[in-house]
């Protein structure tokens, strides 16, 4: 019986250290997991800021061209001097409609890696709005009106010109809206343009 009394304290001490070791391992594992999730969130935010800035820059490069092109289309439609597609030579500097090249890589990567679950709700909501609006803008900025049958026939030149003018009006308005959303989201993410 006396040996049992000596053995119980030793058993309790060893049990305590085993339980302590297991709890410490769980705590370290939790700390390491939280650290990895924070690193993923930080990387996602860095990628978002970089992509938004690049998309904003790509948009800013085409805005002056679209504004100028819209004015030129408006001027020649109002003047009534275009009767054939050959008459479009009046559009000095015409290089097509040139929609902006905008990417969604950061958004798609954040979804695929689960990084969005590690970000603040308000930031995810703002980013979701931005990428939804950007996707919508990309859709409207494609000059699909030029794909219709007869678009390039001289008989349809007036309707094609009016459609191009309306298209450019939608595109320039969309570019302005998207630029404002880019600026707002960059500011919210703490990375506003200097």
N, C-alpha and C. Protein backbone atom coordinates (compact mmCIF):
# COMPACT_ATOMS: atom_id res chain seq x y z
N UNK A 1 0.81 -1.18 0.00
CA UNK A 1 0.00 0.00 0.00
C UNK A 1 0.86 1.26 0.00
N UNK A 2 1.97 1.22 0.69
CA UNK A 2 2.84 2.38 0.74
C UNK A 2 3.48 2.65 -0.61
N UNK A 3 3.74 1.61 -1.40
CA UNK A 3 4.32 1.84 -2.72
C UNK A 3 3.29 2.48 -3.65
N UNK A 4 2.02 2.14 -3.41
CA UNK A 4 0.96 2.76 -4.20
C UNK A 4 0.86 4.25 -3.90
N UNK A 5 1.05 4.62 -2.67
CA UNK A 5 1.01 6.03 -2.30
C UNK A 5 2.18 6.80 -2.92
N UNK A 6 3.28 6.16 -3.08
CA UNK A 6 4.42 6.81 -3.72
C UNK A 6 4.21 6.89 -5.22
N UNK A 7 3.52 5.94 -5.77
CA UNK A 7 3.34 5.85 -7.23
C UNK A 7 2.28 6.85 -7.72
N UNK A 8 1.22 7.11 -6.95
CA UNK A 8 0.13 8.00 -7.35
C UNK A 8 0.63 9.43 -7.61
N UNK A 9 1.42 10.06 -6.76
CA UNK A 9 1.91 11.40 -7.06
C UNK A 9 2.74 11.43 -8.34
N UNK A 10 3.56 10.40 -8.52
CA UNK A 10 4.38 10.34 -9.74
C UNK A 10 3.47 10.23 -10.97
N UNK A 11 2.44 9.41 -10.88
CA UNK A 11 1.48 9.25 -11.97
C UNK A 11 0.75 10.55 -12.25
N UNK A 12 0.37 11.27 -11.23
CA UNK A 12 -0.31 12.54 -11.40
C UNK A 12 0.59 13.58 -12.07
N UNK A 13 1.85 13.63 -11.66
CA UNK A 13 2.80 14.58 -12.25
C UNK A 13 3.02 14.24 -13.71
N UNK A 14 3.23 12.97 -14.03
CA UNK A 14 3.45 12.57 -15.42
C UNK A 14 2.20 12.83 -16.26
N UNK A 15 1.03 12.57 -15.72
CA UNK A 15 -0.24 12.83 -16.42
C UNK A 15 -0.40 14.32 -16.69
N UNK A 16 -0.05 15.12 -15.69
CA UNK A 16 -0.13 16.57 -15.86
C UNK A 16 0.75 17.03 -17.03
N UNK A 17 1.98 16.53 -17.09
CA UNK A 17 2.89 16.94 -18.16
C UNK A 17 2.44 16.42 -19.53
N UNK A 18 1.84 15.26 -19.56
CA UNK A 18 1.32 14.74 -20.83
C UNK A 18 0.17 15.61 -21.32
N UNK A 19 -0.78 15.92 -20.43
CA UNK A 19 -1.91 16.77 -20.79
C UNK A 19 -1.42 18.16 -21.16
N UNK A 20 -0.48 18.68 -20.39
CA UNK A 20 0.09 20.00 -20.69
C UNK A 20 0.74 20.01 -22.07
N UNK A 21 1.49 18.96 -22.39
CA UNK A 21 2.15 18.87 -23.70
C UNK A 21 1.15 18.83 -24.84
N UNK A 22 0.08 18.08 -24.65
CA UNK A 22 -0.97 17.99 -25.68
C UNK A 22 -1.65 19.34 -25.86
N UNK A 23 -2.00 19.99 -24.77
CA UNK A 23 -2.64 21.31 -24.86
C UNK A 23 -1.71 22.34 -25.48
N UNK A 24 -0.43 22.27 -25.14
CA UNK A 24 0.55 23.18 -25.73
C UNK A 24 0.66 22.94 -27.24
N UNK A 25 0.65 21.69 -27.66
CA UNK A 25 0.71 21.36 -29.10
C UNK A 25 -0.51 21.91 -29.82
N UNK A 26 -1.69 21.75 -29.20
CA UNK A 26 -2.91 22.30 -29.81
C UNK A 26 -2.83 23.82 -29.90
N UNK A 27 -2.33 24.46 -28.86
CA UNK A 27 -2.22 25.92 -28.86
C UNK A 27 -1.24 26.38 -29.93
N UNK A 28 -0.10 25.72 -30.03
CA UNK A 28 0.88 26.08 -31.06
C UNK A 28 0.32 25.85 -32.46
N UNK A 29 -0.39 24.75 -32.62
CA UNK A 29 -1.01 24.46 -33.92
C UNK A 29 -2.04 25.52 -34.27
N UNK A 30 -2.84 25.93 -33.31
CA UNK A 30 -3.84 26.98 -33.53
C UNK A 30 -3.17 28.31 -33.86
N UNK A 31 -2.11 28.62 -33.12
CA UNK A 31 -1.37 29.86 -33.37
C UNK A 31 -0.78 29.84 -34.77
N UNK A 32 -0.17 28.72 -35.16
CA UNK A 32 0.44 28.61 -36.48
C UNK A 32 -0.63 28.71 -37.58
N UNK A 33 -1.77 28.06 -37.39
CA UNK A 33 -2.87 28.14 -38.36
C UNK A 33 -3.39 29.55 -38.50
N UNK A 34 -3.55 30.24 -37.38
CA UNK A 34 -4.02 31.63 -37.42
C UNK A 34 -3.01 32.52 -38.13
N UNK A 35 -1.76 32.24 -37.89
CA UNK A 35 -0.71 33.02 -38.55
C UNK A 35 -0.71 32.79 -40.06
N UNK A 36 -0.91 31.54 -40.47
CA UNK A 36 -0.98 31.23 -41.90
C UNK A 36 -2.21 31.88 -42.54
N UNK A 37 -3.35 31.86 -41.85
CA UNK A 37 -4.56 32.48 -42.38
C UNK A 37 -4.38 34.00 -42.51
N UNK A 38 -3.70 34.61 -41.54
CA UNK A 38 -3.44 36.05 -41.61
C UNK A 38 -2.50 36.37 -42.76
N UNK A 39 -1.51 35.52 -42.97
CA UNK A 39 -0.58 35.72 -44.09
C UNK A 39 -1.32 35.61 -45.42
N UNK A 40 -2.26 34.67 -45.51
CA UNK A 40 -3.07 34.51 -46.72
C UNK A 40 -3.93 35.76 -46.95
N UNK A 41 -4.54 36.26 -45.88
CA UNK A 41 -5.37 37.47 -45.99
C UNK A 41 -4.52 38.67 -46.40
N UNK A 42 -3.34 38.81 -45.81
CA UNK A 42 -2.45 39.93 -46.16
C UNK A 42 -2.03 39.84 -47.62
N UNK A 43 -1.70 38.64 -48.07
CA UNK A 43 -1.29 38.45 -49.47
C UNK A 43 -2.44 38.79 -50.41
N UNK A 44 -3.64 38.35 -50.05
CA UNK A 44 -4.82 38.63 -50.88
C UNK A 44 -5.04 40.14 -50.99
N UNK A 45 -4.96 40.85 -49.86
CA UNK A 45 -5.14 42.31 -49.89
C UNK A 45 -4.08 42.99 -50.75
N UNK A 46 -2.85 42.54 -50.64
CA UNK A 46 -1.77 43.10 -51.46
C UNK A 46 -2.06 42.87 -52.94
N UNK A 47 -2.51 41.65 -53.27
CA UNK A 47 -2.84 41.33 -54.67
C UNK A 47 -4.02 42.17 -55.17
N UNK A 48 -5.02 42.35 -54.30
CA UNK A 48 -6.18 43.17 -54.70
C UNK A 48 -5.74 44.60 -55.00
N UNK A 49 -4.97 45.17 -54.12
CA UNK A 49 -4.53 46.56 -54.31
C UNK A 49 -3.73 46.68 -55.60
N UNK A 50 -2.82 45.75 -55.82
CA UNK A 50 -1.99 45.78 -57.03
C UNK A 50 -2.86 45.64 -58.29
N UNK A 51 -3.79 44.70 -58.28
CA UNK A 51 -4.64 44.49 -59.45
C UNK A 51 -5.58 45.67 -59.69
N UNK A 52 -6.15 46.21 -58.65
CA UNK A 52 -7.06 47.36 -58.80
C UNK A 52 -6.29 48.56 -59.36
N UNK A 53 -5.11 48.79 -58.84
CA UNK A 53 -4.29 49.90 -59.36
C UNK A 53 -3.96 49.69 -60.84
N UNK A 54 -3.60 48.46 -61.21
CA UNK A 54 -3.27 48.17 -62.61
C UNK A 54 -4.50 48.32 -63.50
N UNK A 55 -5.64 47.82 -63.05
CA UNK A 55 -6.88 47.97 -63.83
C UNK A 55 -7.26 49.44 -63.97
N UNK A 56 -7.09 50.19 -62.89
CA UNK A 56 -7.39 51.63 -62.94
C UNK A 56 -6.48 52.32 -63.95
N UNK A 57 -5.20 51.96 -63.92
CA UNK A 57 -4.25 52.55 -64.87
C UNK A 57 -4.61 52.18 -66.32
N UNK A 58 -4.96 50.92 -66.55
CA UNK A 58 -5.37 50.49 -67.90
C UNK A 58 -6.60 51.27 -68.36
N UNK A 59 -7.52 51.52 -67.45
CA UNK A 59 -8.72 52.28 -67.77
C UNK A 59 -8.36 53.73 -68.09
N UNK A 60 -7.49 54.32 -67.27
CA UNK A 60 -7.10 55.71 -67.47
C UNK A 60 -6.40 55.93 -68.82
N UNK A 61 -5.73 54.91 -69.32
CA UNK A 61 -5.04 55.04 -70.61
C UNK A 61 -6.01 55.19 -71.78
N UNK A 62 -7.20 54.57 -71.69
CA UNK A 62 -8.14 54.61 -72.83
C UNK A 62 -9.21 55.68 -72.69
N UNK A 63 -9.41 56.22 -71.50
CA UNK A 63 -10.47 57.21 -71.30
C UNK A 63 -10.33 58.42 -72.23
N UNK A 64 -9.17 59.06 -72.32
CA UNK A 64 -9.07 60.23 -73.23
C UNK A 64 -9.38 59.86 -74.68
N UNK A 65 -8.93 58.69 -75.11
CA UNK A 65 -9.19 58.25 -76.48
C UNK A 65 -10.69 58.10 -76.71
N UNK A 66 -11.40 57.47 -75.77
CA UNK A 66 -12.84 57.26 -75.92
C UNK A 66 -13.62 58.58 -75.88
N UNK A 67 -13.21 59.48 -75.02
CA UNK A 67 -13.88 60.79 -74.97
C UNK A 67 -13.69 61.53 -76.29
N UNK A 68 -12.46 61.53 -76.80
CA UNK A 68 -12.16 62.19 -78.07
C UNK A 68 -12.91 61.51 -79.22
N UNK A 69 -12.92 60.19 -79.21
CA UNK A 69 -13.60 59.45 -80.28
C UNK A 69 -15.11 59.72 -80.27
N UNK A 70 -15.69 59.79 -79.08
CA UNK A 70 -17.12 60.09 -78.97
C UNK A 70 -17.42 61.47 -79.55
N UNK A 71 -16.58 62.45 -79.25
CA UNK A 71 -16.77 63.79 -79.78
C UNK A 71 -16.65 63.79 -81.31
N UNK A 72 -15.66 63.07 -81.81
CA UNK A 72 -15.47 63.00 -83.26
C UNK A 72 -16.67 62.35 -83.95
N UNK A 73 -17.16 61.26 -83.37
CA UNK A 73 -18.34 60.60 -83.94
C UNK A 73 -19.53 61.56 -83.91
N UNK A 74 -19.71 62.24 -82.80
CA UNK A 74 -20.81 63.18 -82.68
C UNK A 74 -20.71 64.29 -83.72
N UNK A 75 -19.51 64.84 -83.88
CA UNK A 75 -19.30 65.93 -84.85
C UNK A 75 -19.62 65.49 -86.27
N UNK A 76 -19.14 64.30 -86.67
CA UNK A 76 -19.38 63.91 -88.06
C UNK A 76 -20.82 63.44 -88.29
N UNK A 77 -21.46 62.90 -87.25
CA UNK A 77 -22.88 62.54 -87.38
C UNK A 77 -23.71 63.82 -87.52
N UNK A 78 -23.43 64.81 -86.69
CA UNK A 78 -24.16 66.08 -86.74
C UNK A 78 -23.91 66.83 -88.04
N UNK A 79 -22.70 66.71 -88.56
CA UNK A 79 -22.38 67.39 -89.83
C UNK A 79 -22.98 66.66 -91.03
N UNK A 80 -23.31 65.39 -90.86
CA UNK A 80 -23.90 64.62 -91.96
C UNK A 80 -22.94 64.40 -93.12
N UNK A 81 -21.65 64.38 -92.82
CA UNK A 81 -20.66 64.26 -93.89
C UNK A 81 -20.25 62.83 -94.18
N UNK A 82 -20.76 61.87 -93.43
CA UNK A 82 -20.40 60.47 -93.65
C UNK A 82 -21.56 59.78 -94.36
N UNK A 83 -21.28 59.31 -95.56
CA UNK A 83 -22.29 58.58 -96.33
C UNK A 83 -21.85 57.16 -96.65
N UNK A 84 -20.53 56.92 -96.53
CA UNK A 84 -19.97 55.59 -96.77
C UNK A 84 -18.92 55.32 -95.71
N UNK A 85 -18.55 54.06 -95.58
CA UNK A 85 -17.50 53.73 -94.61
C UNK A 85 -16.16 54.33 -95.02
N UNK A 86 -15.98 54.57 -96.29
CA UNK A 86 -14.75 55.23 -96.75
C UNK A 86 -14.66 56.65 -96.20
N UNK A 87 -15.81 57.28 -95.95
CA UNK A 87 -15.84 58.64 -95.41
C UNK A 87 -15.33 58.70 -93.96
N UNK A 88 -15.20 57.54 -93.33
CA UNK A 88 -14.72 57.53 -91.94
C UNK A 88 -13.26 57.93 -91.81
N UNK A 89 -12.63 58.17 -92.95
CA UNK A 89 -11.26 58.69 -92.91
C UNK A 89 -11.22 60.03 -92.18
N UNK A 90 -12.38 60.67 -92.03
CA UNK A 90 -12.46 61.94 -91.30
C UNK A 90 -12.12 61.77 -89.82
N UNK A 91 -12.19 60.54 -89.34
CA UNK A 91 -11.88 60.27 -87.93
C UNK A 91 -10.37 60.12 -87.78
N UNK A 92 -9.69 61.23 -87.70
CA UNK A 92 -8.24 61.19 -87.54
C UNK A 92 -7.88 60.46 -86.25
N UNK A 93 -6.95 59.55 -86.35
CA UNK A 93 -6.49 58.83 -85.16
C UNK A 93 -7.37 57.67 -84.75
N UNK A 94 -8.35 57.29 -85.58
CA UNK A 94 -9.22 56.18 -85.22
C UNK A 94 -8.41 54.88 -85.22
N UNK A 95 -8.42 54.19 -84.07
CA UNK A 95 -7.69 52.93 -83.90
C UNK A 95 -8.62 51.85 -83.37
N UNK A 96 -9.85 51.86 -83.82
CA UNK A 96 -10.82 50.91 -83.28
C UNK A 96 -11.39 51.45 -81.98
N UNK A 97 -12.15 50.62 -81.29
CA UNK A 97 -12.81 51.09 -80.07
C UNK A 97 -11.99 50.83 -78.81
N UNK A 98 -11.03 49.93 -78.87
CA UNK A 98 -10.04 49.68 -77.82
C UNK A 98 -10.60 49.63 -76.40
N UNK A 99 -11.37 48.60 -76.07
CA UNK A 99 -11.82 48.48 -74.68
C UNK A 99 -10.62 48.26 -73.75
N UNK A 100 -10.73 48.72 -72.53
CA UNK A 100 -9.65 48.56 -71.55
C UNK A 100 -9.50 47.09 -71.19
N UNK A 101 -8.27 46.67 -70.98
CA UNK A 101 -7.98 45.30 -70.54
C UNK A 101 -7.98 45.28 -69.02
N UNK A 102 -8.97 44.62 -68.44
CA UNK A 102 -9.14 44.57 -66.99
C UNK A 102 -9.08 43.11 -66.52
N UNK A 103 -8.35 42.85 -65.45
CA UNK A 103 -8.18 41.48 -64.98
C UNK A 103 -8.95 41.21 -63.69
N UNK A 104 -9.17 39.94 -63.43
CA UNK A 104 -9.88 39.49 -62.22
C UNK A 104 -9.08 38.41 -61.48
N UNK A 105 -7.79 38.34 -61.73
CA UNK A 105 -6.96 37.28 -61.17
C UNK A 105 -6.97 37.27 -59.64
N UNK A 106 -6.85 38.42 -59.01
CA UNK A 106 -6.82 38.48 -57.54
C UNK A 106 -8.13 37.97 -56.96
N UNK A 107 -9.25 38.37 -57.55
CA UNK A 107 -10.56 37.94 -57.07
C UNK A 107 -10.71 36.43 -57.20
N UNK A 108 -10.38 35.89 -58.37
CA UNK A 108 -10.51 34.45 -58.60
C UNK A 108 -9.57 33.65 -57.70
N UNK A 109 -8.37 34.15 -57.48
CA UNK A 109 -7.42 33.47 -56.60
C UNK A 109 -7.91 33.49 -55.16
N UNK A 110 -8.44 34.62 -54.72
CA UNK A 110 -8.95 34.72 -53.35
C UNK A 110 -10.12 33.76 -53.13
N UNK A 111 -10.97 33.60 -54.13
CA UNK A 111 -12.07 32.64 -54.02
C UNK A 111 -11.53 31.22 -53.95
N UNK A 112 -10.59 30.90 -54.85
CA UNK A 112 -10.06 29.54 -54.94
C UNK A 112 -9.29 29.13 -53.69
N UNK A 113 -8.59 30.07 -53.07
CA UNK A 113 -7.77 29.75 -51.89
C UNK A 113 -8.52 29.92 -50.58
N UNK A 114 -9.73 30.47 -50.62
CA UNK A 114 -10.48 30.72 -49.40
C UNK A 114 -10.04 31.96 -48.65
N UNK A 115 -9.22 32.79 -49.30
CA UNK A 115 -8.70 33.98 -48.64
C UNK A 115 -9.80 34.97 -48.28
N UNK A 116 -10.90 34.96 -49.02
CA UNK A 116 -11.99 35.91 -48.73
C UNK A 116 -12.56 35.68 -47.34
N UNK A 117 -12.53 34.44 -46.86
CA UNK A 117 -13.09 34.15 -45.53
C UNK A 117 -12.24 34.75 -44.42
N UNK A 118 -11.02 35.14 -44.76
CA UNK A 118 -10.12 35.72 -43.76
C UNK A 118 -10.14 37.24 -43.75
N UNK A 119 -10.86 37.85 -44.69
CA UNK A 119 -10.91 39.32 -44.78
C UNK A 119 -12.12 39.86 -44.03
N UNK A 120 -12.07 41.15 -43.73
CA UNK A 120 -13.20 41.80 -43.06
C UNK A 120 -14.41 41.82 -44.00
N UNK A 121 -15.58 41.67 -43.42
CA UNK A 121 -16.81 41.61 -44.20
C UNK A 121 -16.97 42.83 -45.10
N UNK A 122 -16.75 44.02 -44.57
CA UNK A 122 -16.92 45.25 -45.35
C UNK A 122 -15.98 45.30 -46.54
N UNK A 123 -14.75 44.80 -46.36
CA UNK A 123 -13.79 44.77 -47.47
C UNK A 123 -14.24 43.77 -48.55
N UNK A 124 -14.71 42.61 -48.12
CA UNK A 124 -15.19 41.61 -49.08
C UNK A 124 -16.41 42.15 -49.83
N UNK A 125 -17.30 42.83 -49.14
CA UNK A 125 -18.48 43.39 -49.79
C UNK A 125 -18.07 44.44 -50.83
N UNK A 126 -17.14 45.29 -50.48
CA UNK A 126 -16.67 46.32 -51.42
C UNK A 126 -15.97 45.70 -52.62
N UNK A 127 -15.15 44.69 -52.37
CA UNK A 127 -14.45 44.01 -53.48
C UNK A 127 -15.44 43.27 -54.37
N UNK A 128 -16.44 42.66 -53.77
CA UNK A 128 -17.46 41.96 -54.56
C UNK A 128 -18.21 42.93 -55.46
N UNK A 129 -18.57 44.09 -54.91
CA UNK A 129 -19.24 45.11 -55.72
C UNK A 129 -18.34 45.57 -56.86
N UNK A 130 -17.07 45.82 -56.54
CA UNK A 130 -16.13 46.28 -57.56
C UNK A 130 -16.01 45.27 -58.70
N UNK A 131 -15.79 44.01 -58.37
CA UNK A 131 -15.60 43.01 -59.43
C UNK A 131 -16.89 42.73 -60.19
N UNK A 132 -18.04 42.87 -59.53
CA UNK A 132 -19.32 42.74 -60.24
C UNK A 132 -19.49 43.89 -61.23
N UNK A 133 -19.22 45.11 -60.78
CA UNK A 133 -19.33 46.27 -61.67
C UNK A 133 -18.31 46.20 -62.80
N UNK A 134 -17.11 45.74 -62.49
CA UNK A 134 -16.08 45.61 -63.51
C UNK A 134 -16.49 44.58 -64.57
N UNK A 135 -17.05 43.46 -64.12
CA UNK A 135 -17.52 42.44 -65.07
C UNK A 135 -18.62 43.01 -65.97
N UNK A 136 -19.53 43.73 -65.37
CA UNK A 136 -20.61 44.36 -66.14
C UNK A 136 -20.04 45.37 -67.14
N UNK A 137 -19.06 46.16 -66.69
CA UNK A 137 -18.45 47.14 -67.59
C UNK A 137 -17.75 46.44 -68.76
N UNK A 138 -17.04 45.37 -68.49
CA UNK A 138 -16.35 44.65 -69.57
C UNK A 138 -17.37 44.17 -70.60
N UNK A 139 -18.53 43.71 -70.13
CA UNK A 139 -19.57 43.25 -71.05
C UNK A 139 -20.06 44.38 -71.95
N UNK A 140 -20.33 45.56 -71.36
CA UNK A 140 -20.87 46.65 -72.18
C UNK A 140 -19.81 47.32 -73.03
N UNK A 141 -18.53 47.13 -72.68
CA UNK A 141 -17.48 47.82 -73.44
C UNK A 141 -17.03 47.03 -74.67
N UNK A 142 -17.55 45.84 -74.84
CA UNK A 142 -17.23 45.09 -76.05
C UNK A 142 -18.06 45.65 -77.21
N UNK A 143 -17.42 46.05 -78.30
CA UNK A 143 -18.16 46.66 -79.42
C UNK A 143 -18.90 45.61 -80.26
N UNK A 144 -19.80 44.89 -79.61
CA UNK A 144 -20.54 43.81 -80.29
C UNK A 144 -21.49 44.32 -81.36
N UNK A 145 -21.83 45.60 -81.32
CA UNK A 145 -22.74 46.15 -82.32
C UNK A 145 -22.14 46.05 -83.72
N UNK A 146 -20.83 45.92 -83.78
CA UNK A 146 -20.16 45.83 -85.08
C UNK A 146 -20.26 44.43 -85.68
N UNK A 147 -20.75 43.47 -84.90
CA UNK A 147 -20.82 42.09 -85.37
C UNK A 147 -22.08 41.78 -86.17
N UNK A 148 -23.08 42.65 -86.09
CA UNK A 148 -24.34 42.41 -86.78
C UNK A 148 -24.19 42.37 -88.29
N UNK A 149 -25.05 41.61 -88.93
CA UNK A 149 -24.98 41.55 -90.39
C UNK A 149 -25.35 42.91 -90.96
N UNK A 150 -24.61 43.35 -91.92
CA UNK A 150 -24.86 44.62 -92.56
C UNK A 150 -24.28 45.82 -91.84
N UNK A 151 -23.57 45.59 -90.72
CA UNK A 151 -22.99 46.70 -89.97
C UNK A 151 -22.03 47.52 -90.81
N UNK A 152 -21.35 46.85 -91.73
CA UNK A 152 -20.35 47.54 -92.53
C UNK A 152 -20.84 47.86 -93.94
N UNK A 153 -22.15 47.81 -94.14
CA UNK A 153 -22.64 48.19 -95.47
C UNK A 153 -22.91 49.70 -95.47
N UNK A 154 -22.61 50.31 -96.60
CA UNK A 154 -22.81 51.76 -96.72
C UNK A 154 -24.27 52.15 -96.51
N UNK A 155 -25.18 51.24 -96.81
CA UNK A 155 -26.61 51.54 -96.63
C UNK A 155 -26.96 51.72 -95.15
N UNK A 156 -26.18 51.11 -94.27
CA UNK A 156 -26.46 51.19 -92.82
C UNK A 156 -25.51 52.13 -92.09
N UNK A 157 -24.78 52.95 -92.82
CA UNK A 157 -23.75 53.79 -92.19
C UNK A 157 -24.33 54.70 -91.12
N UNK A 158 -25.49 55.29 -91.35
CA UNK A 158 -26.07 56.21 -90.36
C UNK A 158 -26.43 55.50 -89.06
N UNK A 159 -27.06 54.34 -89.16
CA UNK A 159 -27.43 53.62 -87.93
C UNK A 159 -26.18 53.09 -87.22
N UNK A 160 -25.18 52.69 -87.98
CA UNK A 160 -23.93 52.22 -87.37
C UNK A 160 -23.24 53.38 -86.64
N UNK A 161 -23.25 54.55 -87.24
CA UNK A 161 -22.64 55.73 -86.61
C UNK A 161 -23.37 56.11 -85.33
N UNK A 162 -24.70 56.10 -85.37
CA UNK A 162 -25.49 56.44 -84.17
C UNK A 162 -25.25 55.40 -83.07
N UNK A 163 -25.21 54.14 -83.47
CA UNK A 163 -24.96 53.08 -82.49
C UNK A 163 -23.58 53.23 -81.87
N UNK A 164 -22.59 53.58 -82.70
CA UNK A 164 -21.24 53.78 -82.19
C UNK A 164 -21.20 54.96 -81.21
N UNK A 165 -21.94 56.01 -81.52
CA UNK A 165 -21.99 57.16 -80.62
C UNK A 165 -22.63 56.78 -79.28
N UNK A 166 -23.73 56.02 -79.32
CA UNK A 166 -24.39 55.57 -78.10
C UNK A 166 -23.47 54.63 -77.31
N UNK A 167 -22.81 53.74 -78.03
CA UNK A 167 -21.86 52.82 -77.40
C UNK A 167 -20.77 53.61 -76.66
N UNK A 168 -20.20 54.59 -77.32
CA UNK A 168 -19.14 55.39 -76.70
C UNK A 168 -19.65 56.19 -75.51
N UNK A 169 -20.90 56.61 -75.56
CA UNK A 169 -21.50 57.29 -74.41
C UNK A 169 -21.61 56.35 -73.22
N UNK A 170 -22.05 55.12 -73.47
CA UNK A 170 -22.13 54.12 -72.39
C UNK A 170 -20.74 53.79 -71.84
N UNK A 171 -19.79 53.64 -72.74
CA UNK A 171 -18.43 53.27 -72.31
C UNK A 171 -17.80 54.38 -71.48
N UNK A 172 -17.89 55.63 -71.93
CA UNK A 172 -17.26 56.71 -71.18
C UNK A 172 -17.94 56.91 -69.81
N UNK A 173 -19.25 56.74 -69.76
CA UNK A 173 -19.95 56.83 -68.47
C UNK A 173 -19.52 55.67 -67.56
N UNK A 174 -19.41 54.48 -68.12
CA UNK A 174 -18.97 53.32 -67.35
C UNK A 174 -17.54 53.47 -66.86
N UNK A 175 -16.68 54.04 -67.68
CA UNK A 175 -15.29 54.26 -67.27
C UNK A 175 -15.23 55.22 -66.09
N UNK A 176 -16.04 56.24 -66.13
CA UNK A 176 -16.08 57.20 -65.02
C UNK A 176 -16.58 56.53 -63.73
N UNK A 177 -17.67 55.77 -63.84
CA UNK A 177 -18.21 55.07 -62.65
C UNK A 177 -17.19 54.09 -62.09
N UNK A 178 -16.55 53.30 -62.96
CA UNK A 178 -15.61 52.29 -62.50
C UNK A 178 -14.38 52.94 -61.86
N UNK A 179 -13.92 54.05 -62.40
CA UNK A 179 -12.79 54.77 -61.80
C UNK A 179 -13.14 55.20 -60.38
N UNK A 180 -14.35 55.70 -60.18
CA UNK A 180 -14.78 56.12 -58.84
C UNK A 180 -14.84 54.94 -57.88
N UNK A 181 -15.31 53.79 -58.37
CA UNK A 181 -15.37 52.59 -57.52
C UNK A 181 -13.95 52.14 -57.17
N UNK A 182 -13.04 52.13 -58.16
CA UNK A 182 -11.65 51.78 -57.88
C UNK A 182 -11.08 52.67 -56.78
N UNK A 183 -11.30 53.98 -56.90
CA UNK A 183 -10.77 54.93 -55.92
C UNK A 183 -11.35 54.68 -54.53
N UNK A 184 -12.66 54.44 -54.48
CA UNK A 184 -13.33 54.21 -53.19
C UNK A 184 -12.81 52.94 -52.52
N UNK A 185 -12.66 51.86 -53.29
CA UNK A 185 -12.21 50.60 -52.71
C UNK A 185 -10.74 50.70 -52.30
N UNK A 186 -9.92 51.35 -53.11
CA UNK A 186 -8.52 51.54 -52.70
C UNK A 186 -8.44 52.32 -51.40
N UNK A 187 -9.26 53.34 -51.27
CA UNK A 187 -9.28 54.12 -50.03
C UNK A 187 -9.72 53.24 -48.86
N UNK A 188 -10.75 52.43 -49.06
CA UNK A 188 -11.24 51.56 -48.01
C UNK A 188 -10.18 50.55 -47.58
N UNK A 189 -9.40 50.07 -48.54
CA UNK A 189 -8.34 49.09 -48.22
C UNK A 189 -7.08 49.77 -47.67
N UNK A 190 -7.14 51.10 -47.55
CA UNK A 190 -6.01 51.84 -47.00
C UNK A 190 -4.87 52.02 -47.98
N UNK A 191 -5.23 52.00 -49.28
CA UNK A 191 -4.19 52.10 -50.32
C UNK A 191 -4.58 53.12 -51.37
N UNK A 192 -5.20 54.22 -50.94
CA UNK A 192 -5.65 55.21 -51.92
C UNK A 192 -4.48 55.80 -52.67
N UNK A 193 -4.79 56.24 -53.89
CA UNK A 193 -3.77 56.82 -54.76
C UNK A 193 -3.26 58.12 -54.15
N UNK A 194 -1.97 58.30 -54.20
CA UNK A 194 -1.37 59.52 -53.65
C UNK A 194 -1.38 60.60 -54.69
